[in-house]
């Protein structure tokens, strides 16, 4: 009966609403990005603004643009933005897979060790309540209404930008509504769709992050000193934390790329400031969930070391007594002391953070990339 309950729990964890419908959700988003991008590509070729704006189009407008214009392929940031969004969607999808994988791994381990004397993972009975609360938050309908309103607001902002560009810019862009109304509408729809999906994803990832912290705070961990993952058997916690930072890195690279296209000092200042804020936030996202596991690992290590120290002290007392005995009939106590000291060294070298060197190196590399992109061009220019 207990095994059936445990299996049902695991099955429930693997059927989180976010993760069950997540694949379809992300597929719709990615397909919509690709399809609308292809539509824009086709219309730009058909209109003749794939590369540069033809003279007859530039001078056939209500005013002339002395600096020329940017064709579809000459406006790299728009295409880069869409490509980065696809990578962003995949990185978020990775998070949505890793969190339930982590939960299932610990539930599986708790189930397998039920007959063992030593329990490395203890799942609390109220975990189902945390899961239910998480599912209710994810399933709330207000996310969709808020995202729809946000998408429409961004579309209105884009229309305002279009009007201002007509009046103040010396350049004309391929998406100008006077050149091609279908392209303007498709691009407008595409941007609104991006921010619509983006807000929903942002809300869901915040809830997932919150669930991750709650889960790690209620589950009791005892690290395994000789586990091959180098993190006491808890390396998946570090990998999950790393997965949360990858989307932030992609956003950082996108910000750095956008400002690399501008040479004004104001943009350089905004660039570096944005990346620095994002870097600090990435540190928080990576280390904060791990800190709960770190405290448990540190506490467990201290308890093990204290226990071994007591045994060593007892062995030393016995040796002191035996030194007064000329016979060697108690030599086994020396072997016991040797084994205790060896075990003490093993436990003393046990990690107290749930990540291995590879995960930590990956984290450092990921946040250094956008930081380097933001700072290096300014250093080179000097």
Protein backbone atom coordinates (compact mmCIF):
# COMPACT_ATOMS: atom_id res chain seq x y z
CA UNK A 1 0.00 0.00 0.00
CA UNK A 2 2.81 2.41 0.92
CA UNK A 3 4.60 1.64 -2.35
CA UNK A 4 1.44 2.45 -4.33
CA UNK A 5 1.08 5.79 -2.53
CA UNK A 6 4.74 6.59 -3.21
CA UNK A 7 4.34 5.72 -6.90
CA UNK A 8 1.23 7.87 -7.14
CA UNK A 9 3.11 10.78 -5.52
CA UNK A 10 5.89 10.48 -8.07
CA UNK A 11 3.36 10.33 -10.90
CA UNK A 12 1.68 13.49 -9.57
CA UNK A 13 5.01 15.30 -9.42
CA UNK A 14 5.70 14.40 -13.04
CA UNK A 15 2.33 15.82 -14.07
CA UNK A 16 2.74 19.42 -12.84
CA UNK A 17 0.43 21.66 -14.85
CA UNK A 18 3.33 23.86 -15.90
CA UNK A 19 5.40 20.95 -17.10
CA UNK A 20 2.60 18.78 -18.47
CA UNK A 21 1.35 21.55 -20.76
CA UNK A 22 4.75 23.19 -20.96
CA UNK A 23 5.96 21.39 -24.07
CA UNK A 24 2.88 22.38 -26.08
CA UNK A 25 3.06 25.95 -24.76
CA UNK A 26 6.68 26.40 -25.80
CA UNK A 27 6.09 24.70 -29.15
CA UNK A 28 3.31 27.20 -29.95
CA UNK A 29 5.55 30.12 -28.98
CA UNK A 30 8.56 28.93 -31.00
CA UNK A 31 6.44 28.01 -34.05
CA UNK A 32 4.74 31.43 -33.96
CA UNK A 33 8.17 33.12 -33.86
CA UNK A 34 9.45 31.14 -36.83
CA UNK A 35 6.27 31.49 -38.91
CA UNK A 36 5.97 35.26 -38.44
CA UNK A 37 9.68 35.71 -39.16
CA UNK A 38 9.27 33.77 -42.43
CA UNK A 39 6.25 35.91 -43.35
CA UNK A 40 8.34 39.05 -42.83
CA UNK A 41 11.17 37.59 -44.89
CA UNK A 42 8.80 36.80 -47.78
CA UNK A 43 7.13 40.23 -47.68
CA UNK A 44 10.49 42.02 -47.52
CA UNK A 45 11.62 40.18 -50.66
CA UNK A 46 8.31 40.86 -52.36
CA UNK A 47 8.35 44.55 -51.45
CA UNK A 48 12.00 44.96 -52.40
CA UNK A 49 13.24 46.03 -48.97
CA UNK A 50 15.17 42.88 -48.08
CA UNK A 51 18.42 44.83 -48.42
CA UNK A 52 18.33 48.64 -48.40
CA UNK A 53 15.31 50.79 -49.21
CA UNK A 54 14.95 51.47 -52.96
CA UNK A 55 15.20 55.11 -54.02
CA UNK A 56 11.74 55.10 -55.56
CA UNK A 57 10.30 54.05 -52.19
CA UNK A 58 12.33 56.56 -50.18
CA UNK A 59 11.49 59.52 -52.34
CA UNK A 60 7.93 58.49 -53.03
CA UNK A 61 6.96 59.21 -49.45
CA UNK A 62 5.62 62.43 -47.97
CA UNK A 63 9.17 63.49 -47.05
CA UNK A 64 12.70 62.50 -48.03
CA UNK A 65 15.22 60.66 -45.85
CA UNK A 66 18.71 61.95 -46.66
CA UNK A 67 20.54 59.21 -44.74
CA UNK A 68 18.78 56.44 -46.64
CA UNK A 69 17.17 53.52 -44.88
CA UNK A 70 17.57 50.08 -43.37
CA UNK A 71 16.28 47.04 -45.19
CA UNK A 72 15.13 43.85 -43.47
CA UNK A 73 18.58 42.25 -43.42
CA UNK A 74 20.22 45.58 -42.46
CA UNK A 75 18.22 45.75 -39.25
CA UNK A 76 20.16 42.99 -37.46
CA UNK A 77 18.83 43.55 -33.97
CA UNK A 78 15.28 42.55 -34.92
CA UNK A 79 16.44 39.18 -36.31
CA UNK A 80 18.91 38.72 -33.43
CA UNK A 81 16.12 39.47 -30.97
CA UNK A 82 13.91 36.73 -32.46
CA UNK A 83 16.76 34.20 -32.51
CA UNK A 84 17.60 34.96 -28.88
CA UNK A 85 13.93 34.56 -27.97
CA UNK A 86 14.00 31.02 -29.37
CA UNK A 87 17.09 30.22 -27.26
CA UNK A 88 15.38 31.88 -24.29
CA UNK A 89 12.30 29.68 -24.77
CA UNK A 90 14.45 26.54 -24.87
CA UNK A 91 16.34 27.60 -21.73
CA UNK A 92 13.08 28.17 -19.85
CA UNK A 93 11.85 24.79 -21.07
CA UNK A 94 15.01 23.24 -19.60
CA UNK A 95 14.15 24.77 -16.22
CA UNK A 96 10.62 23.39 -16.49
CA UNK A 97 12.09 19.91 -17.01
CA UNK A 98 14.84 20.03 -14.39
CA UNK A 99 12.65 21.08 -11.45
CA UNK A 100 10.28 18.07 -11.64
CA UNK A 101 13.28 15.85 -12.43
CA UNK A 102 14.90 16.99 -9.18
CA UNK A 103 11.69 16.41 -7.21
CA UNK A 104 11.20 12.96 -8.72
CA UNK A 105 14.80 11.98 -8.06
CA UNK A 106 14.52 12.77 -4.36
CA UNK A 107 11.10 11.10 -4.07
CA UNK A 108 12.47 8.00 -5.83
CA UNK A 109 15.47 7.97 -3.50
CA UNK A 110 13.26 8.35 -0.43
CA UNK A 111 11.13 5.44 -1.64
CA UNK A 112 14.11 3.16 -2.39
CA UNK A 113 15.80 3.79 0.96
CA UNK A 114 12.66 3.01 2.99
CA UNK A 115 14.19 -0.26 4.17
CA UNK A 116 17.66 1.14 4.81
CA UNK A 117 18.98 2.15 8.20
CA UNK A 118 20.46 5.42 6.93
CA UNK A 119 18.09 7.84 5.17
CA UNK A 120 19.77 10.47 3.00
CA UNK A 121 16.50 12.14 1.91
CA UNK A 122 13.34 12.59 3.99
CA UNK A 123 10.23 13.82 2.14
CA UNK A 124 7.77 15.68 4.44
CA UNK A 125 4.11 14.61 4.43
CA UNK A 126 2.87 18.13 3.56
CA UNK A 127 4.74 18.21 0.23
CA UNK A 128 1.49 17.52 -1.63
CA UNK A 129 0.05 20.76 -0.21
CA UNK A 130 3.01 22.72 -1.60
CA UNK A 131 2.48 21.05 -4.99
CA UNK A 132 -1.25 21.84 -4.96
CA UNK A 133 -0.59 25.50 -4.12
CA UNK A 134 1.92 25.65 -6.94
CA UNK A 135 -0.57 24.14 -9.41
CA UNK A 136 -3.27 26.61 -8.38
CA UNK A 137 -0.93 29.56 -8.95
CA UNK A 138 0.19 28.24 -12.33
CA UNK A 139 -3.41 27.58 -13.41
CA UNK A 140 -4.71 31.07 -12.53
CA UNK A 141 -6.43 32.79 -15.46
CA UNK A 142 -5.35 36.30 -14.54
CA UNK A 143 -1.90 35.56 -16.06
CA UNK A 144 -3.44 35.40 -19.52
CA UNK A 145 -5.48 38.59 -19.11
CA UNK A 146 -2.47 40.49 -17.77
CA UNK A 147 -0.27 39.19 -20.60
CA UNK A 148 -2.88 40.11 -23.21
CA UNK A 149 -3.15 43.65 -21.82
CA UNK A 150 0.64 43.94 -21.70
CA UNK A 151 0.98 42.76 -25.31
CA UNK A 152 -1.61 45.29 -26.51
CA UNK A 153 0.13 48.06 -24.54
CA UNK A 154 3.48 47.24 -26.20
CA UNK A 155 1.80 47.30 -29.63
CA UNK A 156 0.42 50.78 -28.90
CA UNK A 157 3.90 51.89 -27.82
CA UNK A 158 5.29 50.60 -31.12
CA UNK A 159 2.69 52.61 -33.04
CA UNK A 160 3.73 55.73 -31.10
CA UNK A 161 7.39 55.03 -31.92
CA UNK A 162 6.46 54.69 -35.59
CA UNK A 163 4.78 58.12 -35.59
CA UNK A 164 7.78 59.74 -33.85
CA UNK A 165 10.21 58.17 -36.30
CA UNK A 166 8.30 59.62 -39.25
CA UNK A 167 8.61 63.12 -37.79
CA UNK A 168 12.13 63.08 -36.32
CA UNK A 169 14.36 60.50 -38.04
CA UNK A 170 16.54 60.94 -41.12
CA UNK A 171 16.37 57.19 -41.73
CA UNK A 172 13.50 55.04 -42.90
CA UNK A 173 13.11 51.42 -41.83
CA UNK A 174 11.77 48.43 -43.74
CA UNK A 175 8.85 48.11 -41.32
CA UNK A 176 7.51 51.61 -42.00
CA UNK A 177 3.76 51.29 -42.57
CA UNK A 178 3.97 53.53 -45.66
CA UNK A 179 6.23 51.00 -47.36
CA UNK A 180 4.22 47.88 -46.58
CA UNK A 181 1.18 47.78 -44.34
CA UNK A 182 1.24 43.92 -44.10
CA UNK A 183 4.86 44.00 -42.89
CA UNK A 184 4.08 46.68 -40.34
CA UNK A 185 1.07 44.71 -39.04
CA UNK A 186 2.98 41.39 -38.94
CA UNK A 187 5.91 42.97 -37.10
CA UNK A 188 3.54 44.71 -34.71
CA UNK A 189 1.71 41.44 -34.07
CA UNK A 190 5.03 39.63 -33.62
CA UNK A 191 6.27 42.09 -30.99
CA UNK A 192 2.94 41.97 -29.14
CA UNK A 193 3.06 38.16 -29.22
CA UNK A 194 6.63 38.15 -27.88
CA UNK A 195 5.69 40.27 -24.88
CA UNK A 196 2.45 38.30 -24.38
CA UNK A 197 4.32 35.01 -24.09
CA UNK A 198 7.19 36.71 -22.28
CA UNK A 199 5.03 37.94 -19.39
CA UNK A 200 3.34 34.55 -18.98
CA UNK A 201 6.76 32.89 -18.92
CA UNK A 202 8.06 35.46 -16.42
CA UNK A 203 5.13 34.82 -14.06
CA UNK A 204 5.50 31.05 -14.34
CA UNK A 205 9.24 31.06 -13.85
CA UNK A 206 8.85 33.20 -10.69
CA UNK A 207 6.34 30.68 -9.31
CA UNK A 208 8.65 27.81 -10.28
CA UNK A 209 11.56 29.53 -8.54
CA UNK A 210 9.38 30.03 -5.44
CA UNK A 211 8.37 26.35 -5.51
CA UNK A 212 12.02 25.31 -5.87
CA UNK A 213 12.95 27.29 -2.74
CA UNK A 214 10.00 25.89 -0.75
CA UNK A 215 10.80 22.33 -1.80
CA UNK A 216 14.46 22.64 -0.80
CA UNK A 217 13.47 24.20 2.54
CA UNK A 218 11.12 21.37 3.60
CA UNK A 219 13.05 18.32 2.33
CA UNK A 220 15.68 17.01 4.75
CA UNK A 221 19.03 16.19 3.12
CA UNK A 222 21.95 14.19 4.44
CA UNK A 223 24.87 14.32 1.99
CA UNK A 224 26.67 11.09 1.08
CA UNK A 225 30.42 11.53 1.73
CA UNK A 226 31.66 9.31 -1.12
CA UNK A 227 29.01 10.01 -3.75
CA UNK A 228 30.57 10.09 -7.26
CA UNK A 229 28.91 13.39 -8.23
CA UNK A 230 31.28 15.28 -5.91
CA UNK A 231 28.39 17.08 -4.24
CA UNK A 232 27.22 14.54 -1.69
CA UNK A 233 24.58 13.16 -4.08
CA UNK A 234 22.92 16.57 -4.37
CA UNK A 235 24.48 17.86 -7.61
CA UNK A 236 21.08 18.02 -9.29
CA UNK A 237 20.23 20.95 -6.97
CA UNK A 238 23.19 22.86 -8.38
CA UNK A 239 22.23 21.94 -11.94
CA UNK A 240 18.70 23.20 -11.33
CA UNK A 241 20.05 26.48 -9.95
CA UNK A 242 22.29 26.74 -13.00
CA UNK A 243 19.29 26.23 -15.28
CA UNK A 244 17.58 29.26 -13.71
CA UNK A 245 20.58 31.49 -14.56
CA UNK A 246 20.81 30.53 -18.26
CA UNK A 247 17.73 32.60 -19.29
CA UNK A 248 19.23 35.58 -17.44
CA UNK A 249 22.49 35.11 -19.34
CA UNK A 250 20.62 35.08 -22.65
CA UNK A 251 18.86 38.31 -21.67
CA UNK A 252 22.24 39.79 -20.70
CA UNK A 253 23.80 38.86 -24.05
CA UNK A 254 20.79 40.35 -25.84
CA UNK A 255 21.13 43.62 -23.90
CA UNK A 256 24.87 43.75 -24.60
CA UNK A 257 24.26 43.05 -28.30
CA UNK A 258 21.63 45.77 -28.59
CA UNK A 259 23.91 48.42 -27.13
CA UNK A 260 26.94 47.29 -29.14
CA UNK A 261 25.08 48.73 -32.12
CA UNK A 262 25.16 52.20 -30.52
CA UNK A 263 28.25 54.30 -29.92
CA UNK A 264 26.74 57.02 -27.74
CA UNK A 265 28.12 57.29 -24.20
CA UNK A 266 24.62 57.19 -22.77
CA UNK A 267 24.04 53.74 -24.23
CA UNK A 268 27.41 52.53 -22.93
CA UNK A 269 26.45 53.61 -19.41
CA UNK A 270 23.03 51.94 -19.67
CA UNK A 271 24.67 48.85 -21.14
CA UNK A 272 27.16 48.34 -18.32
CA UNK A 273 24.62 49.23 -15.61
CA UNK A 274 22.05 46.78 -16.98
CA UNK A 275 24.58 43.96 -17.22
CA UNK A 276 25.89 44.59 -13.69
CA UNK A 277 22.36 44.54 -12.26
CA UNK A 278 21.64 41.34 -14.19
CA UNK A 279 24.88 39.77 -12.90
CA UNK A 280 23.97 40.51 -9.27
CA UNK A 281 20.50 39.09 -9.88
CA UNK A 282 22.02 35.95 -11.47
CA UNK A 283 24.12 35.41 -8.32
CA UNK A 284 20.97 35.65 -6.21
CA UNK A 285 19.01 33.25 -8.45
CA UNK A 286 21.85 30.70 -8.44
CA UNK A 287 22.95 30.77 -4.80
CA UNK A 288 19.77 31.54 -2.85
CA UNK A 289 18.01 28.19 -3.48
CA UNK A 290 21.32 26.40 -2.93
CA UNK A 291 21.83 28.09 0.43
CA UNK A 292 19.07 26.01 2.06
CA UNK A 293 20.74 22.80 0.93
CA UNK A 294 24.11 24.26 1.95
CA UNK A 295 22.90 24.75 5.55
CA UNK A 296 21.62 21.17 5.66
CA UNK A 297 24.88 19.81 4.24
CA UNK A 298 26.97 21.89 6.65
CA UNK A 299 24.88 20.77 9.62
CA UNK A 300 25.08 17.13 8.57
CA UNK A 301 28.84 17.37 8.11
CA UNK A 302 29.28 18.91 11.57
CA UNK A 303 27.15 16.19 13.17
CA UNK A 304 29.15 13.46 11.45
CA UNK A 305 32.47 15.02 12.46
CA UNK A 306 31.31 15.44 16.07
CA UNK A 307 30.19 11.81 16.16
CA UNK A 308 33.51 10.56 14.76
CA UNK A 309 35.46 12.83 17.13
CA UNK A 310 33.69 11.27 20.11
CA UNK A 311 34.54 7.79 18.85
CA UNK A 312 38.17 8.82 18.34
CA UNK A 313 38.33 10.23 21.87
CA UNK A 314 36.90 6.98 23.24
CA UNK A 315 39.47 5.00 21.26
CA UNK A 316 42.30 7.19 22.58
CA UNK A 317 41.15 6.65 26.15
CA UNK A 318 41.17 2.88 25.57
CA UNK A 319 44.66 3.10 24.03
CA UNK A 320 45.92 5.05 27.03
CA UNK A 321 44.63 2.29 29.28
CA UNK A 322 46.15 -0.41 27.07
CA UNK A 323 49.59 1.23 27.07
CA UNK A 324 49.86 0.11 30.65
CA UNK A 325 49.29 -3.47 29.47
CA UNK A 326 52.39 -5.12 28.00
CA UNK A 327 50.38 -7.68 26.00
CA UNK A 328 49.24 -7.09 22.40
CA UNK A 329 45.84 -8.72 22.80
CA UNK A 330 44.08 -5.37 22.33
CA UNK A 331 45.72 -4.43 19.01
CA UNK A 332 42.29 -4.28 17.28
CA UNK A 333 41.68 -0.93 18.98
CA UNK A 334 44.59 0.52 16.96
CA UNK A 335 42.92 -0.65 13.76
CA UNK A 336 39.68 0.93 14.93
CA UNK A 337 41.45 4.23 15.59
CA UNK A 338 43.09 4.13 12.16
CA UNK A 339 39.73 3.52 10.48
CA UNK A 340 38.10 6.30 12.47
CA UNK A 341 40.81 8.77 11.49
CA UNK A 342 40.47 7.72 7.84
CA UNK A 343 36.69 8.15 7.98
CA UNK A 344 37.14 11.54 9.67
CA UNK A 345 39.34 12.71 6.78
CA UNK A 346 36.71 11.56 4.27
CA UNK A 347 33.91 13.41 6.04
CA UNK A 348 36.10 16.47 6.57
CA UNK A 349 36.59 16.69 2.79
CA UNK A 350 32.87 16.33 2.16
CA UNK A 351 31.41 19.29 0.19
CA UNK A 352 28.92 21.62 1.84
CA UNK A 353 27.50 23.15 -1.35
CA UNK A 354 25.27 21.12 -3.71
CA UNK A 355 27.23 21.68 -6.92
CA UNK A 356 30.35 20.28 -8.53
CA UNK A 357 33.25 22.16 -10.12
CA UNK A 358 31.76 21.77 -13.60
CA UNK A 359 28.48 23.44 -12.59
CA UNK A 360 30.27 26.28 -10.81
CA UNK A 361 32.58 26.84 -13.80
CA UNK A 362 29.59 26.92 -16.14
CA UNK A 363 27.86 29.49 -13.93
CA UNK A 364 30.93 31.76 -13.83
CA UNK A 365 31.35 31.48 -17.60
CA UNK A 366 27.71 32.26 -18.35
CA UNK A 367 27.60 35.54 -16.44
CA UNK A 368 31.09 36.60 -17.64
CA UNK A 369 30.01 36.46 -21.31
CA UNK A 370 27.50 39.38 -21.24
CA UNK A 371 29.70 41.26 -18.76
CA UNK A 372 32.65 40.96 -21.15
CA UNK A 373 30.52 42.03 -24.10
CA UNK A 374 29.50 45.14 -22.17
CA UNK A 375 32.92 46.17 -20.85
CA UNK A 376 35.47 45.12 -23.51
CA UNK A 377 34.26 47.43 -26.32
CA UNK A 378 34.56 50.43 -23.98
CA UNK A 379 38.08 49.38 -22.93
CA UNK A 380 39.14 48.88 -26.55
CA UNK A 381 37.79 52.30 -27.58
CA UNK A 382 39.85 53.93 -24.84
